[in-house]
Amino acid sequence: MAASKTGRHQGMTEDHRPPVDPYHLMKPNPHPIMRAAERTGVGVADCTLVGDSLADVQATHAAGATVIAYANKPHKALPFAETGADAFTNAAGAITEAFPTVSP
């Protein structure tokens, strides 16, 4: 999308969101997770999302996928633990270690 003279991208809403995804379909609605799984041809139960917000955890659980909550700020650790995220961490390196290496 091209930026206008005001700095906003053409075709974006006032709050910088694309107009094609209605607000009611945004996280915590599971729609974005289910749509991503569908578009990649992977069953949603076989997907794992790494998220840094409670809406990410809620949407992923509602979709039936696995979620790793990334507490990128100290105050997020307790709420993530209480949400029932499948796993949570505050170390970015631990996220990459959690995924197995896939050979082509």
N, C-alpha and C. Protein backbone atom coordinates (compact mmCIF):
# COMPACT_ATOMS: atom_id res chain seq x y z
N MET A 1 0.84 -1.18 0.00
CA MET A 1 0.00 0.00 0.00
C MET A 1 0.88 1.24 0.00
N ALA A 2 0.50 2.20 -0.76
CA ALA A 2 1.28 3.43 -0.85
C ALA A 2 0.94 4.36 0.30
N ALA A 3 1.94 5.07 0.78
CA ALA A 3 1.71 6.04 1.85
C ALA A 3 1.26 7.36 1.23
N SER A 4 0.32 8.01 1.90
CA SER A 4 -0.15 9.31 1.42
C SER A 4 0.72 10.40 2.02
N LYS A 5 0.45 11.65 1.64
CA LYS A 5 1.22 12.77 2.16
C LYS A 5 1.04 12.92 3.66
N THR A 6 -0.06 12.42 4.21
CA THR A 6 -0.29 12.52 5.65
C THR A 6 0.43 11.42 6.41
N GLY A 7 1.06 10.49 5.69
CA GLY A 7 1.78 9.41 6.34
C GLY A 7 0.94 8.15 6.52
N ARG A 8 -0.36 8.26 6.26
CA ARG A 8 -1.22 7.09 6.38
C ARG A 8 -1.16 6.31 5.09
N HIS A 9 -1.28 5.02 5.19
CA HIS A 9 -1.31 4.18 4.01
C HIS A 9 -2.68 4.27 3.36
N GLN A 10 -2.68 4.39 2.06
CA GLN A 10 -3.94 4.43 1.34
C GLN A 10 -4.66 3.11 1.52
N GLY A 11 -5.95 3.17 1.75
CA GLY A 11 -6.73 1.97 1.92
C GLY A 11 -6.79 1.49 3.36
N MET A 12 -6.11 2.18 4.28
CA MET A 12 -6.13 1.80 5.69
C MET A 12 -7.15 2.65 6.43
N THR A 13 -7.67 2.10 7.51
CA THR A 13 -8.62 2.84 8.32
C THR A 13 -7.88 3.87 9.16
N GLU A 14 -8.62 4.72 9.84
CA GLU A 14 -8.05 5.78 10.68
C GLU A 14 -7.06 5.22 11.71
N ASP A 15 -7.35 4.03 12.24
CA ASP A 15 -6.47 3.44 13.25
C ASP A 15 -5.47 2.45 12.64
N HIS A 16 -5.19 2.60 11.34
CA HIS A 16 -4.15 1.86 10.63
C HIS A 16 -4.44 0.37 10.46
N ARG A 17 -5.69 0.00 10.39
CA ARG A 17 -6.06 -1.40 10.15
C ARG A 17 -6.58 -1.53 8.73
N PRO A 18 -6.32 -2.67 8.10
CA PRO A 18 -6.84 -2.86 6.74
C PRO A 18 -8.36 -2.95 6.77
N PRO A 19 -9.03 -2.35 5.83
CA PRO A 19 -10.49 -2.34 5.84
C PRO A 19 -11.11 -3.69 5.48
N VAL A 20 -10.32 -4.64 5.02
CA VAL A 20 -10.88 -5.92 4.58
C VAL A 20 -11.22 -6.86 5.73
N ASP A 21 -10.64 -6.67 6.90
CA ASP A 21 -10.95 -7.51 8.06
C ASP A 21 -11.83 -6.75 9.03
N PRO A 22 -13.12 -7.05 9.04
CA PRO A 22 -14.01 -6.35 9.97
C PRO A 22 -13.58 -6.59 11.42
N TYR A 23 -13.81 -5.60 12.26
CA TYR A 23 -13.38 -5.68 13.65
C TYR A 23 -13.92 -6.92 14.35
N HIS A 24 -15.13 -7.33 14.05
CA HIS A 24 -15.70 -8.49 14.75
C HIS A 24 -14.99 -9.79 14.38
N LEU A 25 -14.16 -9.79 13.35
CA LEU A 25 -13.41 -10.98 12.96
C LEU A 25 -11.95 -10.92 13.40
N MET A 26 -11.59 -9.89 14.14
CA MET A 26 -10.22 -9.76 14.61
C MET A 26 -10.07 -10.48 15.95
N LYS A 27 -8.83 -10.84 16.30
CA LYS A 27 -8.59 -11.50 17.58
C LYS A 27 -9.16 -10.63 18.70
N PRO A 28 -9.85 -11.23 19.66
CA PRO A 28 -9.83 -12.62 20.09
C PRO A 28 -10.77 -13.56 19.33
N ASN A 29 -11.40 -13.11 18.28
CA ASN A 29 -12.18 -14.01 17.44
C ASN A 29 -11.20 -15.01 16.81
N PRO A 30 -11.53 -16.29 16.74
CA PRO A 30 -10.61 -17.27 16.18
C PRO A 30 -10.46 -17.20 14.66
N HIS A 31 -11.23 -16.37 14.00
CA HIS A 31 -11.23 -16.29 12.54
C HIS A 31 -9.82 -16.14 11.93
N PRO A 32 -8.97 -15.21 12.41
CA PRO A 32 -7.66 -15.07 11.76
C PRO A 32 -6.80 -16.33 11.87
N ILE A 33 -6.93 -17.05 12.96
CA ILE A 33 -6.14 -18.28 13.15
C ILE A 33 -6.65 -19.36 12.20
N MET A 34 -7.96 -19.51 12.15
CA MET A 34 -8.56 -20.52 11.29
C MET A 34 -8.30 -20.19 9.82
N ARG A 35 -8.35 -18.92 9.46
CA ARG A 35 -8.10 -18.52 8.08
C ARG A 35 -6.65 -18.79 7.68
N ALA A 36 -5.72 -18.50 8.59
CA ALA A 36 -4.31 -18.76 8.28
C ALA A 36 -4.07 -20.25 8.08
N ALA A 37 -4.66 -21.07 8.94
CA ALA A 37 -4.51 -22.53 8.79
C ALA A 37 -5.09 -22.99 7.46
N GLU A 38 -6.26 -22.49 7.13
CA GLU A 38 -6.91 -22.86 5.87
C GLU A 38 -6.07 -22.46 4.67
N ARG A 39 -5.54 -21.25 4.71
CA ARG A 39 -4.77 -20.75 3.56
C ARG A 39 -3.45 -21.48 3.37
N THR A 40 -2.91 -22.05 4.46
CA THR A 40 -1.66 -22.78 4.34
C THR A 40 -1.89 -24.28 4.16
N GLY A 41 -3.14 -24.72 4.24
CA GLY A 41 -3.46 -26.12 4.05
C GLY A 41 -3.08 -27.01 5.23
N VAL A 42 -2.97 -26.42 6.40
CA VAL A 42 -2.62 -27.15 7.60
C VAL A 42 -3.83 -27.18 8.52
N GLY A 43 -4.10 -28.33 9.10
CA GLY A 43 -5.20 -28.42 10.05
C GLY A 43 -4.93 -27.53 11.26
N VAL A 44 -5.94 -26.83 11.71
CA VAL A 44 -5.74 -25.87 12.81
C VAL A 44 -5.21 -26.57 14.07
N ALA A 45 -5.58 -27.80 14.30
CA ALA A 45 -5.09 -28.54 15.47
C ALA A 45 -3.59 -28.82 15.37
N ASP A 46 -3.02 -28.71 14.17
CA ASP A 46 -1.59 -28.93 13.96
C ASP A 46 -0.80 -27.63 13.99
N CYS A 47 -1.47 -26.52 14.25
CA CYS A 47 -0.82 -25.21 14.25
C CYS A 47 -0.42 -24.78 15.66
N THR A 48 0.64 -24.00 15.72
CA THR A 48 1.07 -23.36 16.97
C THR A 48 1.27 -21.89 16.69
N LEU A 49 0.68 -21.06 17.52
CA LEU A 49 0.83 -19.61 17.39
C LEU A 49 1.67 -19.12 18.56
N VAL A 50 2.62 -18.26 18.28
CA VAL A 50 3.37 -17.58 19.32
C VAL A 50 2.76 -16.19 19.41
N GLY A 51 2.18 -15.87 20.56
CA GLY A 51 1.50 -14.59 20.70
C GLY A 51 1.99 -13.82 21.90
N ASP A 52 1.84 -12.50 21.82
CA ASP A 52 2.28 -11.66 22.93
C ASP A 52 1.13 -10.86 23.55
N SER A 53 -0.10 -11.32 23.31
CA SER A 53 -1.25 -10.63 23.91
C SER A 53 -2.28 -11.65 24.38
N LEU A 54 -3.13 -11.22 25.31
CA LEU A 54 -4.20 -12.10 25.78
C LEU A 54 -5.15 -12.44 24.65
N ALA A 55 -5.37 -11.51 23.74
CA ALA A 55 -6.24 -11.78 22.59
C ALA A 55 -5.66 -12.90 21.73
N ASP A 56 -4.34 -12.96 21.60
CA ASP A 56 -3.70 -14.05 20.85
C ASP A 56 -4.00 -15.39 21.50
N VAL A 57 -3.87 -15.46 22.83
CA VAL A 57 -4.13 -16.70 23.56
C VAL A 57 -5.59 -17.11 23.42
N GLN A 58 -6.49 -16.16 23.61
CA GLN A 58 -7.92 -16.45 23.53
C GLN A 58 -8.32 -16.92 22.14
N ALA A 59 -7.85 -16.24 21.11
CA ALA A 59 -8.20 -16.61 19.74
C ALA A 59 -7.66 -17.98 19.38
N THR A 60 -6.43 -18.24 19.77
CA THR A 60 -5.80 -19.51 19.44
C THR A 60 -6.50 -20.67 20.12
N HIS A 61 -6.83 -20.51 21.39
CA HIS A 61 -7.58 -21.56 22.09
C HIS A 61 -8.95 -21.77 21.46
N ALA A 62 -9.63 -20.69 21.12
CA ALA A 62 -10.95 -20.81 20.51
C ALA A 62 -10.89 -21.51 19.17
N ALA A 63 -9.78 -21.36 18.45
CA ALA A 63 -9.62 -22.01 17.15
C ALA A 63 -9.25 -23.48 17.29
N GLY A 64 -8.71 -23.86 18.44
CA GLY A 64 -8.31 -25.24 18.64
C GLY A 64 -6.84 -25.51 18.35
N ALA A 65 -6.06 -24.45 18.30
CA ALA A 65 -4.62 -24.59 18.04
C ALA A 65 -3.85 -24.48 19.36
N THR A 66 -2.56 -24.71 19.29
CA THR A 66 -1.67 -24.59 20.43
C THR A 66 -1.12 -23.17 20.47
N VAL A 67 -0.95 -22.64 21.68
CA VAL A 67 -0.43 -21.28 21.79
C VAL A 67 0.72 -21.23 22.79
N ILE A 68 1.79 -20.56 22.36
CA ILE A 68 2.91 -20.23 23.23
C ILE A 68 2.80 -18.74 23.49
N ALA A 69 2.62 -18.37 24.76
CA ALA A 69 2.51 -16.96 25.12
C ALA A 69 3.91 -16.41 25.40
N TYR A 70 4.24 -15.34 24.72
CA TYR A 70 5.54 -14.70 24.88
C TYR A 70 5.36 -13.44 25.71
N ALA A 71 5.82 -13.50 26.95
CA ALA A 71 5.72 -12.36 27.85
C ALA A 71 6.89 -11.42 27.57
N ASN A 72 6.72 -10.58 26.57
CA ASN A 72 7.80 -9.68 26.17
C ASN A 72 7.92 -8.47 27.10
N LYS A 73 7.05 -8.40 28.10
CA LYS A 73 7.11 -7.37 29.13
C LYS A 73 6.82 -8.06 30.46
N PRO A 74 7.52 -7.69 31.54
CA PRO A 74 7.39 -8.40 32.80
C PRO A 74 5.96 -8.52 33.33
N HIS A 75 5.14 -7.51 33.12
CA HIS A 75 3.78 -7.55 33.66
C HIS A 75 2.86 -8.55 32.95
N LYS A 76 3.31 -9.14 31.86
CA LYS A 76 2.48 -10.09 31.12
C LYS A 76 2.57 -11.52 31.64
N ALA A 77 3.60 -11.85 32.41
CA ALA A 77 3.83 -13.24 32.83
C ALA A 77 2.66 -13.81 33.61
N LEU A 78 2.18 -13.14 34.63
CA LEU A 78 1.09 -13.67 35.45
C LEU A 78 -0.21 -13.82 34.67
N PRO A 79 -0.65 -12.80 33.92
CA PRO A 79 -1.88 -12.99 33.13
C PRO A 79 -1.78 -14.15 32.14
N PHE A 80 -0.61 -14.34 31.53
CA PHE A 80 -0.45 -15.46 30.60
C PHE A 80 -0.55 -16.79 31.34
N ALA A 81 0.04 -16.87 32.52
CA ALA A 81 -0.05 -18.11 33.30
C ALA A 81 -1.49 -18.41 33.66
N GLU A 82 -2.27 -17.38 33.93
CA GLU A 82 -3.67 -17.55 34.31
C GLU A 82 -4.58 -17.87 33.12
N THR A 83 -4.16 -17.58 31.90
CA THR A 83 -5.01 -17.82 30.73
C THR A 83 -5.03 -19.28 30.32
N GLY A 84 -4.08 -20.04 30.81
CA GLY A 84 -4.02 -21.43 30.40
C GLY A 84 -3.32 -21.61 29.07
N ALA A 85 -2.40 -20.70 28.72
CA ALA A 85 -1.60 -20.87 27.51
C ALA A 85 -0.91 -22.22 27.60
N ASP A 86 -0.73 -22.87 26.47
CA ASP A 86 -0.10 -24.19 26.45
C ASP A 86 1.34 -24.13 26.97
N ALA A 87 1.97 -23.01 26.75
CA ALA A 87 3.32 -22.75 27.27
C ALA A 87 3.49 -21.25 27.30
N PHE A 88 4.35 -20.78 28.17
CA PHE A 88 4.68 -19.36 28.11
C PHE A 88 6.13 -19.16 28.53
N THR A 89 6.70 -18.08 28.01
CA THR A 89 8.10 -17.78 28.25
C THR A 89 8.30 -16.27 28.18
N ASN A 90 9.38 -15.83 28.79
CA ASN A 90 9.79 -14.43 28.63
C ASN A 90 11.12 -14.34 27.90
N ALA A 91 11.58 -15.48 27.39
CA ALA A 91 12.86 -15.54 26.68
C ALA A 91 12.61 -15.87 25.21
N ALA A 92 12.94 -14.93 24.35
CA ALA A 92 12.71 -15.13 22.91
C ALA A 92 13.44 -16.36 22.40
N GLY A 93 14.64 -16.64 22.89
CA GLY A 93 15.40 -17.79 22.44
C GLY A 93 14.71 -19.10 22.76
N ALA A 94 13.94 -19.14 23.84
CA ALA A 94 13.23 -20.37 24.22
C ALA A 94 12.16 -20.72 23.20
N ILE A 95 11.64 -19.72 22.52
CA ILE A 95 10.60 -19.98 21.52
C ILE A 95 11.17 -20.81 20.37
N THR A 96 12.31 -20.42 19.87
CA THR A 96 12.90 -21.18 18.77
C THR A 96 13.32 -22.57 19.21
N GLU A 97 13.71 -22.72 20.46
CA GLU A 97 14.09 -24.04 20.97
C GLU A 97 12.88 -24.96 21.13
N ALA A 98 11.70 -24.39 21.26
CA ALA A 98 10.50 -25.18 21.48
C ALA A 98 10.03 -25.89 20.21
N PHE A 99 10.50 -25.45 19.06
CA PHE A 99 10.06 -26.04 17.81
C PHE A 99 11.12 -27.01 17.28
N PRO A 100 10.68 -28.18 16.85
CA PRO A 100 11.65 -29.14 16.30
C PRO A 100 12.19 -28.65 14.95
N THR A 101 13.37 -29.09 14.63
CA THR A 101 13.96 -28.78 13.33
C THR A 101 13.27 -29.65 12.28
N VAL A 102 12.86 -29.03 11.21
CA VAL A 102 12.16 -29.75 10.15
C VAL A 102 13.08 -29.83 8.94
N SER A 103 13.29 -31.03 8.48
CA SER A 103 14.11 -31.21 7.28
C SER A 103 13.25 -31.09 6.04
N PRO A 104 13.79 -30.48 4.97
CA PRO A 104 12.99 -30.34 3.74
C PRO A 104 12.70 -31.66 3.08
